[in-house]
Amino acid sequence: MIYMALAALMYVCGFVFLYGVVRIAVRHGIEDVDLRRERAAQSPERDRLRERSLVPDDAFLAGS
């Protein structure tokens, strides 16, 4: 009988552990997606800033 109780306890603890691992993995995945989304939104702004900073140095290329 003690073995059945021990097996049930380990079974439940295993599911709780797996739930925690999956929850942490999903949370980190969502954080990664949010970070990539922010970087993708900022990349056009960065490109514009780079472009703007290059225009005074190479004004002849900009058609000015």
C-alpha atoms as a PDB file:
ATOM      1  CA  MET A   1       0.000   0.000   0.000  1.00  0.00           C
ATOM      2  CA  ILE A   2       2.866   2.358   0.787  1.00  0.00           C
ATOM      3  CA  TYR A   3       4.248   1.784  -2.698  1.00  0.00           C
ATOM      4  CA  MET A   4       0.948   2.823  -4.269  1.00  0.00           C
ATOM      5  CA  ALA A   5       0.883   6.007  -2.189  1.00  0.00           C
ATOM      6  CA  LEU A   6       4.504   6.730  -3.075  1.00  0.00           C
ATOM      7  CA  ALA A   7       3.841   6.099  -6.761  1.00  0.00           C
ATOM      8  CA  ALA A   8       0.802   8.399  -6.700  1.00  0.00           C
ATOM      9  CA  LEU A   9       2.792  11.094  -4.918  1.00  0.00           C
ATOM     10  CA  MET A  10       5.641  10.868  -7.436  1.00  0.00           C
ATOM     11  CA  TYR A  11       3.115  10.892 -10.289  1.00  0.00           C
ATOM     12  CA  VAL A  12       1.505  14.091  -9.002  1.00  0.00           C
ATOM     13  CA  CYS A  13       4.869  15.723  -8.275  1.00  0.00           C
ATOM     14  CA  GLY A  14       6.020  14.862 -11.784  1.00  0.00           C
ATOM     15  CA  PHE A  15       3.032  16.607 -13.321  1.00  0.00           C
ATOM     16  CA  VAL A  16       3.541  19.651 -11.098  1.00  0.00           C
ATOM     17  CA  PHE A  17       7.207  19.769 -12.098  1.00  0.00           C
ATOM     18  CA  LEU A  18       6.392  19.447 -15.803  1.00  0.00           C
ATOM     19  CA  TYR A  19       3.752  22.166 -15.484  1.00  0.00           C
ATOM     20  CA  GLY A  20       6.370  24.488 -13.966  1.00  0.00           C
ATOM     21  CA  VAL A  21       8.937  23.706 -16.653  1.00  0.00           C
ATOM     22  CA  VAL A  22       6.443  24.273 -19.466  1.00  0.00           C
ATOM     23  CA  ARG A  23       5.213  27.481 -17.855  1.00  0.00           C
ATOM     24  CA  ILE A  24       8.763  28.854 -17.572  1.00  0.00           C
ATOM     25  CA  ALA A  25       9.529  27.858 -21.167  1.00  0.00           C
ATOM     26  CA  VAL A  26       6.392  29.565 -22.469  1.00  0.00           C
ATOM     27  CA  ARG A  27       7.120  32.708 -20.463  1.00  0.00           C
ATOM     28  CA  HIS A  28      10.657  32.919 -21.834  1.00  0.00           C
ATOM     29  CA  GLY A  29       9.356  32.294 -25.339  1.00  0.00           C
ATOM     30  CA  ILE A  30       6.839  35.117 -25.024  1.00  0.00           C
ATOM     31  CA  GLU A  31       9.569  37.437 -23.705  1.00  0.00           C
ATOM     32  CA  ASP A  32      11.763  36.551 -26.686  1.00  0.00           C
ATOM     33  CA  VAL A  33       8.932  37.258 -29.116  1.00  0.00           C
ATOM     34  CA  ASP A  34       8.237  40.614 -27.449  1.00  0.00           C
ATOM     35  CA  LEU A  35      11.917  41.527 -27.602  1.00  0.00           C
ATOM     36  CA  ARG A  36      12.161  40.610 -31.279  1.00  0.00           C
ATOM     37  CA  ARG A  37       8.979  42.584 -31.993  1.00  0.00           C
ATOM     38  CA  GLU A  38      10.454  45.661 -30.273  1.00  0.00           C
ATOM     39  CA  ARG A  39      13.706  45.309 -32.209  1.00  0.00           C
ATOM     40  CA  ALA A  40      11.808  44.930 -35.484  1.00  0.00           C
ATOM     41  CA  ALA A  41       9.805  48.069 -34.725  1.00  0.00           C
ATOM     42  CA  GLN A  42      12.975  50.003 -33.925  1.00  0.00           C
ATOM     43  CA  SER A  43      14.944  48.900 -36.980  1.00  0.00           C
ATOM     44  CA  PRO A  44      13.266  51.353 -39.420  1.00  0.00           C
ATOM     45  CA  GLU A  45      13.976  54.150 -36.952  1.00  0.00           C
ATOM     46  CA  ARG A  46      17.610  53.051 -36.690  1.00  0.00           C
ATOM     47  CA  ASP A  47      17.882  52.895 -40.470  1.00  0.00           C
ATOM     48  CA  ARG A  48      16.502  56.426 -40.768  1.00  0.00           C
ATOM     49  CA  LEU A  49      18.979  57.693 -38.166  1.00  0.00           C
ATOM     50  CA  ARG A  50      21.873  56.005 -39.946  1.00  0.00           C
ATOM     51  CA  GLU A  51      20.719  57.389 -43.251  1.00  0.00           C
ATOM     52  CA  ARG A  52      20.365  60.878 -41.810  1.00  0.00           C
ATOM     53  CA  SER A  53      23.832  60.722 -40.283  1.00  0.00           C
ATOM     54  CA  LEU A  54      25.372  59.687 -43.621  1.00  0.00           C
ATOM     55  CA  VAL A  55      23.776  62.467 -45.681  1.00  0.00           C
ATOM     56  CA  PRO A  56      26.033  65.346 -44.496  1.00  0.00           C
ATOM     57  CA  ASP A  57      29.174  63.282 -45.153  1.00  0.00           C
ATOM     58  CA  ASP A  58      28.047  62.114 -48.572  1.00  0.00           C
ATOM     59  CA  ALA A  59      25.765  64.947 -49.648  1.00  0.00           C
ATOM     60  CA  PHE A  60      26.666  64.441 -53.289  1.00  0.00           C
ATOM     61  CA  LEU A  61      25.102  60.953 -53.106  1.00  0.00           C
ATOM     62  CA  ALA A  62      21.879  62.297 -51.627  1.00  0.00           C
ATOM     63  CA  GLY A  63      21.192  64.545 -54.613  1.00  0.00           C
ATOM     64  CA  SER A  64      21.573  67.801 -52.664  1.00  0.00           C
END
